[in-house]
Amino acid sequence: MSVKKRIKDFVSEINIPINAFEKSINASNGYVNSITKSIGIDKLERIIEIYPNLDLEWLLTGKGMMLRSSKTDISSLDNEPMLSTINPGQAIPLISTESVPGFVNSEQNHHGIIVKETYVIPEFNEQGAKYLVRVNGSDMHPKFSNGDLLACKPIGNPTFFQWGRVYVLNTNQGTLIKFLYQDEHDKDVLWCRSENEKNYPPFHIHRKNIYNIAIVVGVLRME
């Protein structure tokens, strides 16, 4: 098995797009596929820095296990205090709103997805978040501010909604970030509401015009 194949296996294991991995190590799109026999020292150092749970010997030679063991040999610690091991979790891609349609149902279809950055936030992993999107505008203020990053969990073709929760919708009107409520008279119609209803009145949308949907499970805000 080649280094290129092992990198692809690792990227698949941590469940991020190839171009997100390439961006995270400061490589251009297509870098992984261009690898022949070895990796440049600068890229190797970057991989070790960004993905400390990847076993270097496995990457270079194929020997051993892909991921480093979290177990510690306590006999080598002597009288040093024991430190807890932190699991960094999987990298979550920050994508453009135009790329939201690429995350279909609960699985990613990585074709055409534009990854801006990747973030490792274990709490978001625990909530099932698969991608982040950036808030653009004031329609959800003050709940969400312009520039906030929303952690999104795709939910496929839902038959059950948590009314009053915030969802990211891929619709015939583009990508929307809204509170969702059931219409009182038609179960196939949903009401989309903004936090800032004074400037952004509520409107309804038919289920058939919602192509995929994700529930917001967390927010990352910079003060």
N, C-alpha and C. Protein backbone atom coordinates (compact mmCIF):
# COMPACT_ATOMS: atom_id res chain seq x y z
N MET A 1 0.85 -1.20 0.00
CA MET A 1 0.00 0.00 0.00
C MET A 1 0.88 1.25 0.00
N SER A 2 0.56 2.21 -0.83
CA SER A 2 1.37 3.41 -0.96
C SER A 2 1.03 4.45 0.11
N VAL A 3 1.92 5.44 0.26
CA VAL A 3 1.67 6.55 1.18
C VAL A 3 0.38 7.27 0.78
N LYS A 4 0.20 7.46 -0.52
CA LYS A 4 -1.01 8.13 -1.00
C LYS A 4 -2.26 7.38 -0.54
N LYS A 5 -2.25 6.06 -0.69
CA LYS A 5 -3.41 5.25 -0.29
C LYS A 5 -3.62 5.33 1.22
N ARG A 6 -2.53 5.33 1.99
CA ARG A 6 -2.68 5.41 3.45
C ARG A 6 -3.25 6.76 3.87
N ILE A 7 -2.83 7.83 3.19
CA ILE A 7 -3.41 9.15 3.50
C ILE A 7 -4.90 9.14 3.21
N LYS A 8 -5.29 8.58 2.08
CA LYS A 8 -6.71 8.52 1.72
C LYS A 8 -7.49 7.69 2.74
N ASP A 9 -6.89 6.61 3.21
CA ASP A 9 -7.55 5.78 4.23
C ASP A 9 -7.72 6.56 5.52
N PHE A 10 -6.70 7.34 5.89
CA PHE A 10 -6.78 8.15 7.12
C PHE A 10 -7.85 9.22 6.99
N VAL A 11 -7.88 9.90 5.86
CA VAL A 11 -8.88 10.95 5.63
C VAL A 11 -10.29 10.36 5.69
N SER A 12 -10.44 9.17 5.12
CA SER A 12 -11.74 8.50 5.19
C SER A 12 -12.10 8.14 6.63
N GLU A 13 -11.09 7.72 7.39
CA GLU A 13 -11.31 7.33 8.79
C GLU A 13 -11.79 8.51 9.63
N ILE A 14 -11.22 9.70 9.42
CA ILE A 14 -11.62 10.86 10.22
C ILE A 14 -12.78 11.62 9.59
N ASN A 15 -13.24 11.13 8.43
CA ASN A 15 -14.50 11.59 7.85
C ASN A 15 -14.49 13.06 7.45
N ILE A 16 -13.45 13.47 6.71
CA ILE A 16 -13.42 14.82 6.15
C ILE A 16 -13.12 14.72 4.66
N PRO A 17 -13.48 15.72 3.88
CA PRO A 17 -13.16 15.71 2.45
C PRO A 17 -11.65 15.78 2.23
N ILE A 18 -11.20 15.21 1.12
CA ILE A 18 -9.78 15.27 0.76
C ILE A 18 -9.31 16.71 0.67
N ASN A 19 -10.13 17.59 0.07
CA ASN A 19 -9.67 18.97 -0.08
C ASN A 19 -9.59 19.70 1.26
N ALA A 20 -10.38 19.24 2.26
CA ALA A 20 -10.26 19.82 3.60
C ALA A 20 -8.94 19.42 4.24
N PHE A 21 -8.55 18.16 4.04
CA PHE A 21 -7.26 17.69 4.54
C PHE A 21 -6.13 18.46 3.88
N GLU A 22 -6.21 18.62 2.56
CA GLU A 22 -5.16 19.34 1.83
C GLU A 22 -5.04 20.78 2.33
N LYS A 23 -6.17 21.42 2.55
CA LYS A 23 -6.15 22.80 3.02
C LYS A 23 -5.54 22.89 4.42
N SER A 24 -5.86 21.89 5.26
CA SER A 24 -5.38 21.92 6.64
C SER A 24 -3.87 21.80 6.74
N ILE A 25 -3.24 21.18 5.72
CA ILE A 25 -1.77 21.03 5.75
C ILE A 25 -1.11 22.03 4.79
N ASN A 26 -1.88 23.05 4.41
CA ASN A 26 -1.37 24.12 3.53
C ASN A 26 -0.92 23.58 2.16
N ALA A 27 -1.70 22.63 1.66
CA ALA A 27 -1.40 22.08 0.33
C ALA A 27 -2.51 22.50 -0.64
N SER A 28 -2.19 22.51 -1.90
CA SER A 28 -3.17 22.89 -2.91
C SER A 28 -4.09 21.72 -3.22
N ASN A 29 -5.25 22.03 -3.81
CA ASN A 29 -6.18 20.98 -4.23
C ASN A 29 -5.48 20.04 -5.21
N GLY A 30 -5.67 18.75 -5.00
CA GLY A 30 -5.05 17.76 -5.87
C GLY A 30 -3.71 17.27 -5.37
N TYR A 31 -3.24 17.83 -4.23
CA TYR A 31 -1.92 17.44 -3.73
C TYR A 31 -1.83 15.95 -3.43
N VAL A 32 -2.85 15.41 -2.75
CA VAL A 32 -2.80 14.00 -2.36
C VAL A 32 -2.69 13.10 -3.58
N ASN A 33 -3.48 13.38 -4.61
CA ASN A 33 -3.42 12.55 -5.81
C ASN A 33 -2.11 12.69 -6.56
N SER A 34 -1.37 13.77 -6.29
CA SER A 34 -0.10 13.98 -6.98
C SER A 34 1.07 13.28 -6.29
N ILE A 35 0.83 12.75 -5.09
CA ILE A 35 1.91 12.08 -4.35
C ILE A 35 2.34 10.82 -5.10
N THR A 36 3.64 10.66 -5.27
CA THR A 36 4.15 9.47 -5.97
C THR A 36 4.69 8.46 -4.96
N LYS A 37 5.88 8.74 -4.41
CA LYS A 37 6.47 7.78 -3.48
C LYS A 37 6.60 8.31 -2.06
N SER A 38 6.82 9.61 -1.91
CA SER A 38 7.08 10.15 -0.58
C SER A 38 6.41 11.51 -0.41
N ILE A 39 6.46 12.02 0.83
CA ILE A 39 5.87 13.32 1.16
C ILE A 39 7.00 14.27 1.53
N GLY A 40 6.88 15.52 1.12
CA GLY A 40 7.88 16.52 1.48
C GLY A 40 7.95 16.72 2.98
N ILE A 41 9.13 17.06 3.47
CA ILE A 41 9.34 17.24 4.91
C ILE A 41 8.39 18.30 5.48
N ASP A 42 8.20 19.40 4.75
CA ASP A 42 7.34 20.46 5.26
C ASP A 42 5.91 19.98 5.44
N LYS A 43 5.42 19.19 4.47
CA LYS A 43 4.05 18.67 4.57
C LYS A 43 3.96 17.62 5.67
N LEU A 44 5.00 16.82 5.82
CA LEU A 44 5.00 15.79 6.85
C LEU A 44 4.95 16.42 8.24
N GLU A 45 5.73 17.48 8.44
CA GLU A 45 5.72 18.17 9.73
C GLU A 45 4.35 18.78 10.01
N ARG A 46 3.72 19.30 8.97
CA ARG A 46 2.40 19.89 9.13
C ARG A 46 1.36 18.82 9.49
N ILE A 47 1.45 17.67 8.84
CA ILE A 47 0.52 16.57 9.14
C ILE A 47 0.65 16.14 10.59
N ILE A 48 1.89 16.01 11.06
CA ILE A 48 2.13 15.59 12.44
C ILE A 48 1.56 16.62 13.41
N GLU A 49 1.70 17.91 13.06
CA GLU A 49 1.21 18.98 13.92
C GLU A 49 -0.31 19.00 13.99
N ILE A 50 -0.98 18.86 12.84
CA ILE A 50 -2.43 18.99 12.78
C ILE A 50 -3.14 17.70 13.19
N TYR A 51 -2.52 16.56 12.91
CA TYR A 51 -3.16 15.27 13.19
C TYR A 51 -2.26 14.42 14.09
N PRO A 52 -2.16 14.80 15.37
CA PRO A 52 -1.24 14.10 16.27
C PRO A 52 -1.65 12.66 16.56
N ASN A 53 -2.91 12.31 16.27
CA ASN A 53 -3.34 10.94 16.53
C ASN A 53 -2.97 10.00 15.38
N LEU A 54 -2.45 10.54 14.28
CA LEU A 54 -2.01 9.70 13.16
C LEU A 54 -0.62 9.15 13.47
N ASP A 55 -0.46 7.84 13.36
CA ASP A 55 0.82 7.21 13.66
C ASP A 55 1.78 7.40 12.49
N LEU A 56 2.91 8.03 12.75
CA LEU A 56 3.87 8.39 11.70
C LEU A 56 4.47 7.15 11.04
N GLU A 57 4.81 6.15 11.84
CA GLU A 57 5.40 4.93 11.27
C GLU A 57 4.43 4.25 10.31
N TRP A 58 3.16 4.21 10.71
CA TRP A 58 2.16 3.60 9.82
C TRP A 58 2.05 4.38 8.52
N LEU A 59 2.04 5.71 8.62
CA LEU A 59 1.90 6.54 7.43
C LEU A 59 3.04 6.30 6.45
N LEU A 60 4.27 6.22 6.96
CA LEU A 60 5.44 6.12 6.09
C LEU A 60 5.74 4.70 5.63
N THR A 61 5.45 3.71 6.49
CA THR A 61 5.85 2.34 6.17
C THR A 61 4.69 1.35 6.08
N GLY A 62 3.56 1.72 6.66
CA GLY A 62 2.44 0.79 6.70
C GLY A 62 2.48 -0.16 7.87
N LYS A 63 3.52 -0.05 8.71
CA LYS A 63 3.65 -0.94 9.86
C LYS A 63 2.88 -0.38 11.06
N GLY A 64 2.31 -1.27 11.84
CA GLY A 64 1.59 -0.85 13.04
C GLY A 64 0.17 -0.43 12.73
N MET A 65 -0.38 0.40 13.61
CA MET A 65 -1.77 0.84 13.50
C MET A 65 -1.85 2.26 12.96
N MET A 66 -2.95 2.56 12.31
CA MET A 66 -3.15 3.90 11.74
C MET A 66 -3.16 4.97 12.82
N LEU A 67 -3.90 4.73 13.89
CA LEU A 67 -4.08 5.74 14.93
C LEU A 67 -3.28 5.38 16.17
N ARG A 68 -2.72 6.40 16.78
CA ARG A 68 -1.96 6.20 18.00
C ARG A 68 -2.87 5.70 19.11
N SER A 69 -2.35 4.81 19.93
CA SER A 69 -3.12 4.32 21.07
C SER A 69 -3.18 5.40 22.14
N SER A 70 -4.34 5.51 22.79
CA SER A 70 -4.47 6.48 23.88
C SER A 70 -3.96 5.92 25.20
N LYS A 71 -3.53 4.63 25.17
CA LYS A 71 -3.04 4.02 26.40
C LYS A 71 -1.62 4.49 26.71
N THR A 72 -1.31 4.66 27.96
CA THR A 72 0.00 5.11 28.39
C THR A 72 0.66 4.05 29.25
N ASP A 73 1.94 3.78 28.99
CA ASP A 73 2.70 2.84 29.80
C ASP A 73 3.08 3.53 31.10
N ILE A 74 2.36 3.23 32.19
CA ILE A 74 2.57 3.95 33.43
C ILE A 74 3.93 3.63 34.05
N SER A 75 4.56 2.52 33.63
CA SER A 75 5.86 2.18 34.20
C SER A 75 6.93 3.17 33.77
N SER A 76 6.67 3.91 32.68
CA SER A 76 7.67 4.85 32.19
C SER A 76 7.50 6.23 32.80
N LEU A 77 6.48 6.39 33.65
CA LEU A 77 6.21 7.70 34.20
C LEU A 77 6.95 7.97 35.50
N ASP A 78 7.50 6.91 36.13
CA ASP A 78 8.16 7.03 37.42
C ASP A 78 7.24 7.76 38.39
N ASN A 79 7.71 8.86 38.95
CA ASN A 79 6.91 9.59 39.92
C ASN A 79 6.27 10.84 39.34
N GLU A 80 6.26 10.95 37.99
CA GLU A 80 5.66 12.11 37.37
C GLU A 80 4.15 12.06 37.53
N PRO A 81 3.48 13.20 37.69
CA PRO A 81 2.03 13.20 37.79
C PRO A 81 1.41 12.73 36.49
N MET A 82 0.31 11.99 36.58
CA MET A 82 -0.36 11.47 35.40
C MET A 82 -1.24 12.56 34.79
N LEU A 83 -1.20 12.67 33.47
CA LEU A 83 -2.00 13.64 32.75
C LEU A 83 -3.09 12.91 31.99
N SER A 84 -4.27 13.50 31.95
CA SER A 84 -5.36 12.88 31.20
C SER A 84 -5.11 13.04 29.71
N THR A 85 -5.56 12.05 28.94
CA THR A 85 -5.41 12.08 27.50
C THR A 85 -6.63 12.73 26.88
N ILE A 86 -6.41 13.70 26.03
CA ILE A 86 -7.51 14.40 25.38
C ILE A 86 -7.69 13.85 23.98
N ASN A 87 -8.90 13.40 23.67
CA ASN A 87 -9.22 12.95 22.32
C ASN A 87 -9.62 14.15 21.49
N PRO A 88 -8.82 14.51 20.48
CA PRO A 88 -9.11 15.72 19.74
C PRO A 88 -10.38 15.65 18.89
N GLY A 89 -10.89 14.46 18.62
CA GLY A 89 -12.10 14.35 17.82
C GLY A 89 -11.81 14.52 16.33
N GLN A 90 -12.86 14.48 15.55
CA GLN A 90 -12.73 14.60 14.11
C GLN A 90 -12.81 16.06 13.69
N ALA A 91 -12.06 16.39 12.64
CA ALA A 91 -12.10 17.75 12.12
C ALA A 91 -13.43 17.97 11.42
N ILE A 92 -14.06 19.10 11.71
CA ILE A 92 -15.35 19.45 11.11
C ILE A 92 -15.11 20.57 10.11
N PRO A 93 -15.53 20.39 8.85
CA PRO A 93 -15.27 21.42 7.85
C PRO A 93 -16.22 22.61 7.96
N LEU A 94 -15.66 23.80 7.80
CA LEU A 94 -16.46 25.01 7.63
C LEU A 94 -16.67 25.17 6.14
N ILE A 95 -17.94 25.13 5.71
CA ILE A 95 -18.22 25.17 4.28
C ILE A 95 -18.99 26.44 3.92
N SER A 96 -18.96 26.78 2.66
CA SER A 96 -19.74 27.90 2.17
C SER A 96 -21.21 27.49 2.12
N THR A 97 -22.10 28.47 2.19
CA THR A 97 -23.53 28.13 2.12
C THR A 97 -23.87 27.50 0.77
N GLU A 98 -23.09 27.82 -0.26
CA GLU A 98 -23.33 27.21 -1.57
C GLU A 98 -23.04 25.71 -1.56
N SER A 99 -22.25 25.26 -0.56
CA SER A 99 -21.87 23.86 -0.50
C SER A 99 -22.83 23.02 0.33
N VAL A 100 -23.78 23.67 1.01
CA VAL A 100 -24.71 22.92 1.87
C VAL A 100 -25.42 21.81 1.11
N PRO A 101 -25.84 22.01 -0.17
CA PRO A 101 -26.49 20.91 -0.89
C PRO A 101 -25.62 19.67 -1.02
N GLY A 102 -24.29 19.81 -0.87
CA GLY A 102 -23.41 18.65 -0.98
C GLY A 102 -23.49 17.71 0.19
N PHE A 103 -24.06 18.17 1.30
CA PHE A 103 -24.22 17.32 2.47
C PHE A 103 -25.64 16.77 2.46
N VAL A 104 -25.82 15.67 1.75
CA VAL A 104 -27.15 15.11 1.54
C VAL A 104 -27.46 14.10 2.63
N ASN A 105 -28.64 14.24 3.21
CA ASN A 105 -29.08 13.36 4.28
C ASN A 105 -28.03 13.36 5.38
N SER A 106 -27.67 12.17 5.89
CA SER A 106 -26.70 12.12 6.97
C SER A 106 -25.30 11.80 6.47
N GLU A 107 -25.15 11.66 5.15
CA GLU A 107 -23.85 11.34 4.58
C GLU A 107 -23.39 12.48 3.69
N GLN A 108 -22.08 12.65 3.56
CA GLN A 108 -21.55 13.72 2.75
C GLN A 108 -21.33 13.25 1.32
N ASN A 109 -21.76 14.07 0.38
CA ASN A 109 -21.39 13.90 -1.01
C ASN A 109 -20.41 15.03 -1.30
N HIS A 110 -19.13 14.73 -1.31
CA HIS A 110 -18.11 15.77 -1.27
C HIS A 110 -17.91 16.49 -2.60
N HIS A 111 -18.61 16.09 -3.64
CA HIS A 111 -18.40 16.72 -4.94
C HIS A 111 -18.83 18.18 -4.90
N GLY A 112 -17.91 19.07 -5.26
CA GLY A 112 -18.23 20.48 -5.37
C GLY A 112 -18.27 21.25 -4.06
N ILE A 113 -17.92 20.61 -2.94
CA ILE A 113 -17.97 21.29 -1.65
C ILE A 113 -16.77 22.21 -1.50
N ILE A 114 -17.03 23.44 -1.09
CA ILE A 114 -15.97 24.42 -0.86
C ILE A 114 -15.68 24.47 0.63
N VAL A 115 -14.53 23.97 1.04
CA VAL A 115 -14.14 23.96 2.45
C VAL A 115 -13.25 25.16 2.73
N LYS A 116 -13.67 25.99 3.67
CA LYS A 116 -12.91 27.20 4.00
C LYS A 116 -11.87 26.93 5.08
N GLU A 117 -12.25 26.20 6.12
CA GLU A 117 -11.36 25.85 7.22
C GLU A 117 -11.86 24.54 7.81
N THR A 118 -11.09 23.96 8.72
CA THR A 118 -11.57 22.82 9.50
C THR A 118 -11.33 23.10 10.98
N TYR A 119 -12.22 22.59 11.81
CA TYR A 119 -12.15 22.82 13.25
C TYR A 119 -12.31 21.49 13.98
N VAL A 120 -11.55 21.33 15.06
CA VAL A 120 -11.69 20.15 15.90
C VAL A 120 -12.36 20.59 17.20
N ILE A 121 -13.64 20.23 17.35
CA ILE A 121 -14.43 20.62 18.52
C ILE A 121 -15.15 19.36 19.00
N PRO A 122 -14.57 18.64 19.96
CA PRO A 122 -15.15 17.36 20.39
C PRO A 122 -16.61 17.45 20.80
N GLU A 123 -17.01 18.57 21.42
CA GLU A 123 -18.40 18.70 21.85
C GLU A 123 -19.35 18.68 20.65
N PHE A 124 -18.92 19.27 19.54
CA PHE A 124 -19.75 19.24 18.33
C PHE A 124 -19.79 17.83 17.74
N ASN A 125 -18.65 17.12 17.80
CA ASN A 125 -18.63 15.73 17.35
C ASN A 125 -19.65 14.89 18.12
N GLU A 126 -19.69 15.11 19.43
CA GLU A 126 -20.61 14.34 20.27
C GLU A 126 -22.07 14.59 19.90
N GLN A 127 -22.36 15.78 19.39
CA GLN A 127 -23.72 16.13 19.00
C GLN A 127 -24.05 15.69 17.57
N GLY A 128 -23.07 15.10 16.88
CA GLY A 128 -23.32 14.61 15.53
C GLY A 128 -23.13 15.63 14.43
N ALA A 129 -22.48 16.76 14.74
CA ALA A 129 -22.27 17.80 13.72
C ALA A 129 -21.35 17.28 12.62
N LYS A 130 -21.71 17.57 11.37
CA LYS A 130 -20.91 17.14 10.22
C LYS A 130 -20.28 18.30 9.48
N TYR A 131 -20.81 19.51 9.67
CA TYR A 131 -20.22 20.67 9.02
C TYR A 131 -20.60 21.93 9.78
N LEU A 132 -19.88 23.01 9.48
CA LEU A 132 -20.14 24.33 10.05
C LEU A 132 -20.49 25.28 8.92
N VAL A 133 -21.39 26.22 9.19
CA VAL A 133 -21.67 27.31 8.25
C VAL A 133 -21.58 28.63 9.00
N ARG A 134 -21.22 29.68 8.28
CA ARG A 134 -21.08 30.99 8.90
C ARG A 134 -22.36 31.80 8.71
N VAL A 135 -22.82 32.42 9.80
CA VAL A 135 -23.99 33.29 9.73
C VAL A 135 -23.63 34.55 8.95
N ASN A 136 -24.50 34.90 8.02
CA ASN A 136 -24.27 36.09 7.21
C ASN A 136 -25.54 36.93 7.23
N GLY A 137 -25.51 38.03 7.94
CA GLY A 137 -26.69 38.88 8.03
C GLY A 137 -27.19 39.02 9.45
N SER A 138 -28.30 39.73 9.60
CA SER A 138 -28.83 40.05 10.93
C SER A 138 -30.20 39.46 11.19
N ASP A 139 -30.69 38.59 10.30
CA ASP A 139 -32.05 38.09 10.46
C ASP A 139 -32.22 37.20 11.68
N MET A 140 -31.11 36.58 12.17
CA MET A 140 -31.21 35.72 13.35
C MET A 140 -30.62 36.38 14.60
N HIS A 141 -30.34 37.67 14.51
CA HIS A 141 -29.82 38.42 15.67
C HIS A 141 -30.98 38.76 16.62
N PRO A 142 -30.80 38.64 17.94
CA PRO A 142 -29.53 38.47 18.67
C PRO A 142 -29.15 37.02 18.99
N LYS A 143 -30.00 36.05 18.61
CA LYS A 143 -29.64 34.66 18.92
C LYS A 143 -28.31 34.30 18.29
N PHE A 144 -28.16 34.63 17.01
CA PHE A 144 -26.90 34.43 16.31
C PHE A 144 -26.47 35.76 15.71
N SER A 145 -25.18 36.02 15.78
CA SER A 145 -24.64 37.27 15.23
C SER A 145 -23.95 37.01 13.91
N ASN A 146 -23.83 38.05 13.12
CA ASN A 146 -23.11 37.96 11.86
C ASN A 146 -21.69 37.45 12.11
N GLY A 147 -21.31 36.38 11.44
CA GLY A 147 -19.97 35.81 11.61
C GLY A 147 -19.93 34.59 12.51
N ASP A 148 -21.00 34.32 13.27
CA ASP A 148 -21.03 33.12 14.11
C ASP A 148 -20.92 31.87 13.23
N LEU A 149 -20.32 30.81 13.79
CA LEU A 149 -20.25 29.53 13.11
C LEU A 149 -21.26 28.58 13.73
N LEU A 150 -22.12 28.01 12.91
CA LEU A 150 -23.16 27.11 13.39
C LEU A 150 -22.77 25.67 13.07
N ALA A 151 -22.84 24.80 14.08
CA ALA A 151 -22.57 23.38 13.90
C ALA A 151 -23.86 22.70 13.46
N CYS A 152 -23.79 21.98 12.34
CA CYS A 152 -24.99 21.44 11.71
C CYS A 152 -24.95 19.91 11.66
N LYS A 153 -26.08 19.31 12.03
CA LYS A 153 -26.23 17.86 11.99
C LYS A 153 -27.28 17.51 10.94
N PRO A 154 -26.87 16.96 9.77
CA PRO A 154 -27.85 16.59 8.75
C PRO A 154 -28.81 15.53 9.29
N ILE A 155 -30.09 15.67 8.93
CA ILE A 155 -31.08 14.73 9.45
C ILE A 155 -31.88 14.04 8.35
N GLY A 156 -31.42 14.11 7.12
CA GLY A 156 -32.04 13.33 6.06
C GLY A 156 -33.45 13.80 5.75
N ASN A 157 -34.35 12.85 5.60
CA ASN A 157 -35.75 13.15 5.29
C ASN A 157 -36.57 13.01 6.56
N PRO A 158 -36.65 14.07 7.34
CA PRO A 158 -37.25 13.95 8.67
C PRO A 158 -38.77 13.80 8.62
N THR A 159 -39.27 12.93 9.47
CA THR A 159 -40.71 12.83 9.68
C THR A 159 -41.08 13.50 10.99
N PHE A 160 -40.04 13.84 11.77
CA PHE A 160 -40.25 14.49 13.06
C PHE A 160 -39.35 15.70 13.16
N PHE A 161 -39.95 16.83 13.49
CA PHE A 161 -39.20 18.06 13.69
C PHE A 161 -39.30 18.49 15.15
N GLN A 162 -38.25 19.12 15.64
CA GLN A 162 -38.31 19.75 16.95
C GLN A 162 -38.72 21.20 16.71
N TRP A 163 -40.01 21.45 16.75
CA TRP A 163 -40.52 22.77 16.43
C TRP A 163 -39.93 23.82 17.36
N GLY A 164 -39.56 24.95 16.78
CA GLY A 164 -38.95 26.02 17.55
C GLY A 164 -37.44 25.95 17.60
N ARG A 165 -36.85 24.87 17.03
CA ARG A 165 -35.40 24.77 16.92
C ARG A 165 -34.94 25.43 15.62
N VAL A 166 -33.64 25.75 15.57
CA VAL A 166 -33.08 26.37 14.37
C VAL A 166 -32.55 25.28 13.44
N TYR A 167 -32.90 25.42 12.16
CA TYR A 167 -32.47 24.47 11.14
C TYR A 167 -31.77 25.22 10.00
N VAL A 168 -30.90 24.50 9.31
CA VAL A 168 -30.30 25.00 8.07
C VAL A 168 -30.96 24.23 6.94
N LEU A 169 -31.62 24.96 6.05
CA LEU A 169 -32.41 24.35 4.98
C LEU A 169 -31.79 24.63 3.63
N ASN A 170 -31.68 23.60 2.81
CA ASN A 170 -31.33 23.79 1.41
C ASN A 170 -32.64 23.75 0.63
N THR A 171 -33.03 24.88 0.06
CA THR A 171 -34.36 25.01 -0.55
C THR A 171 -34.27 25.58 -1.96
N ASN A 172 -35.44 25.68 -2.59
CA ASN A 172 -35.50 26.30 -3.91
C ASN A 172 -35.24 27.80 -3.85
N GLN A 173 -35.16 28.34 -2.62
CA GLN A 173 -34.82 29.76 -2.44
C GLN A 173 -33.38 29.94 -1.99
N GLY A 174 -32.61 28.86 -1.99
CA GLY A 174 -31.24 28.92 -1.51
C GLY A 174 -31.13 28.34 -0.11
N THR A 175 -30.03 28.63 0.56
CA THR A 175 -29.80 28.14 1.92
C THR A 175 -30.39 29.11 2.93
N LEU A 176 -31.21 28.57 3.84
CA LEU A 176 -31.88 29.38 4.85
C LEU A 176 -31.51 28.88 6.24
N ILE A 177 -31.38 29.81 7.19
CA ILE A 177 -31.17 29.47 8.60
C ILE A 177 -32.34 30.06 9.36
N LYS A 178 -33.24 29.19 9.84
CA LYS A 178 -34.50 29.68 10.41
C LYS A 178 -35.00 28.78 11.54
N PHE A 179 -35.83 29.38 12.41
CA PHE A 179 -36.66 28.59 13.31
C PHE A 179 -37.75 27.94 12.45
N LEU A 180 -38.11 26.69 12.78
CA LEU A 180 -39.17 26.02 12.03
C LEU A 180 -40.38 25.75 12.92
N TYR A 181 -41.57 25.95 12.32
CA TYR A 181 -42.83 25.67 13.00
C TYR A 181 -43.79 25.01 12.01
N GLN A 182 -44.66 24.16 12.52
CA GLN A 182 -45.65 23.49 11.69
C GLN A 182 -46.81 24.44 11.37
N ASP A 183 -47.28 24.41 10.13
CA ASP A 183 -48.48 25.16 9.78
C ASP A 183 -49.68 24.52 10.47
N GLU A 184 -50.60 25.33 10.94
CA GLU A 184 -51.75 24.82 11.69
C GLU A 184 -52.74 24.05 10.82
N HIS A 185 -52.73 24.30 9.52
CA HIS A 185 -53.76 23.72 8.65
C HIS A 185 -53.22 22.69 7.66
N ASP A 186 -51.93 22.77 7.34
CA ASP A 186 -51.36 21.88 6.32
C ASP A 186 -50.05 21.30 6.84
N LYS A 187 -50.03 19.99 7.06
CA LYS A 187 -48.84 19.35 7.64
C LYS A 187 -47.65 19.36 6.70
N ASP A 188 -47.89 19.63 5.41
CA ASP A 188 -46.80 19.68 4.45
C ASP A 188 -46.22 21.08 4.28
N VAL A 189 -46.71 22.01 5.07
CA VAL A 189 -46.23 23.39 5.00
C VAL A 189 -45.54 23.75 6.32
N LEU A 190 -44.36 24.35 6.22
CA LEU A 190 -43.59 24.76 7.38
C LEU A 190 -43.47 26.28 7.39
N TRP A 191 -43.49 26.85 8.59
CA TRP A 191 -43.27 28.28 8.74
C TRP A 191 -41.83 28.53 9.14
N CYS A 192 -41.19 29.44 8.45
CA CYS A 192 -39.81 29.82 8.73
C CYS A 192 -39.81 31.18 9.42
N ARG A 193 -39.23 31.22 10.59
CA ARG A 193 -39.22 32.47 11.36
C ARG A 193 -37.79 32.89 11.67
N SER A 194 -37.59 34.19 11.67
CA SER A 194 -36.31 34.77 12.05
C SER A 194 -36.38 35.25 13.49
N GLU A 195 -35.23 35.42 14.11
CA GLU A 195 -35.20 36.03 15.44
C GLU A 195 -35.57 37.51 15.33
N ASN A 196 -35.11 38.14 14.28
CA ASN A 196 -35.36 39.56 14.05
C ASN A 196 -36.60 39.70 13.15
N GLU A 197 -37.78 39.41 13.71
CA GLU A 197 -39.00 39.41 12.90
C GLU A 197 -39.45 40.82 12.52
N LYS A 198 -38.95 41.83 13.21
CA LYS A 198 -39.33 43.20 12.87
C LYS A 198 -38.89 43.54 11.45
N ASN A 199 -37.70 43.09 11.10
CA ASN A 199 -37.16 43.38 9.77
C ASN A 199 -37.26 42.20 8.80
N TYR A 200 -37.52 41.00 9.35
CA TYR A 200 -37.59 39.81 8.52
C TYR A 200 -38.85 39.02 8.88
N PRO A 201 -39.98 39.33 8.26
CA PRO A 201 -41.25 38.67 8.60
C PRO A 201 -41.20 37.17 8.31
N PRO A 202 -42.00 36.40 9.04
CA PRO A 202 -42.05 34.95 8.79
C PRO A 202 -42.67 34.65 7.42
N PHE A 203 -42.33 33.48 6.90
CA PHE A 203 -42.90 33.05 5.62
C PHE A 203 -43.04 31.53 5.66
N HIS A 204 -43.84 30.99 4.77
CA HIS A 204 -44.02 29.54 4.75
C HIS A 204 -43.34 28.93 3.54
N ILE A 205 -43.04 27.63 3.66
CA ILE A 205 -42.41 26.89 2.57
C ILE A 205 -42.97 25.48 2.57
N HIS A 206 -43.19 24.94 1.39
CA HIS A 206 -43.72 23.58 1.27
C HIS A 206 -42.57 22.58 1.42
N ARG A 207 -42.87 21.45 2.03
CA ARG A 207 -41.84 20.44 2.25
C ARG A 207 -41.16 20.01 0.95
N LYS A 208 -41.91 19.98 -0.15
CA LYS A 208 -41.33 19.51 -1.41
C LYS A 208 -40.25 20.46 -1.92
N ASN A 209 -40.22 21.69 -1.40
CA ASN A 209 -39.21 22.66 -1.82
C ASN A 209 -38.01 22.69 -0.89
N ILE A 210 -37.98 21.74 0.06
CA ILE A 210 -36.82 21.58 0.94
C ILE A 210 -36.06 20.34 0.48
N TYR A 211 -34.84 20.53 0.00
CA TYR A 211 -34.09 19.43 -0.60
C TYR A 211 -33.30 18.64 0.44
N ASN A 212 -32.71 19.30 1.39
CA ASN A 212 -32.13 18.62 2.55
C ASN A 212 -32.08 19.59 3.71
N ILE A 213 -31.84 19.04 4.88
CA ILE A 213 -32.03 19.83 6.10
C ILE A 213 -31.07 19.36 7.18
N ALA A 214 -30.64 20.30 8.01
CA ALA A 214 -29.78 19.98 9.15
C ALA A 214 -30.25 20.78 10.35
N ILE A 215 -30.12 20.20 11.52
CA ILE A 215 -30.47 20.91 12.74
C ILE A 215 -29.21 21.53 13.33
N VAL A 216 -29.32 22.73 13.85
CA VAL A 216 -28.18 23.41 14.46
C VAL A 216 -28.00 22.88 15.88
N VAL A 217 -26.82 22.33 16.16
CA VAL A 217 -26.57 21.71 17.47
C VAL A 217 -25.55 22.48 18.30
N GLY A 218 -24.99 23.56 17.74
CA GLY A 218 -24.03 24.34 18.51
C GLY A 218 -23.64 25.60 17.76
N VAL A 219 -23.01 26.51 18.48
CA VAL A 219 -22.57 27.77 17.86
C VAL A 219 -21.19 28.13 18.40
N LEU A 220 -20.35 28.65 17.52
CA LEU A 220 -19.02 29.12 17.89
C LEU A 220 -18.98 30.61 17.61
N ARG A 221 -18.74 31.39 18.65
CA ARG A 221 -18.80 32.86 18.52
C ARG A 221 -17.48 33.47 18.98
N MET A 222 -17.00 34.41 18.19
CA MET A 222 -15.81 35.17 18.56
C MET A 222 -16.25 36.54 19.06
N GLU A 223 -15.81 36.90 20.25
CA GLU A 223 -16.17 38.20 20.82
C GLU A 223 -15.29 39.30 20.21
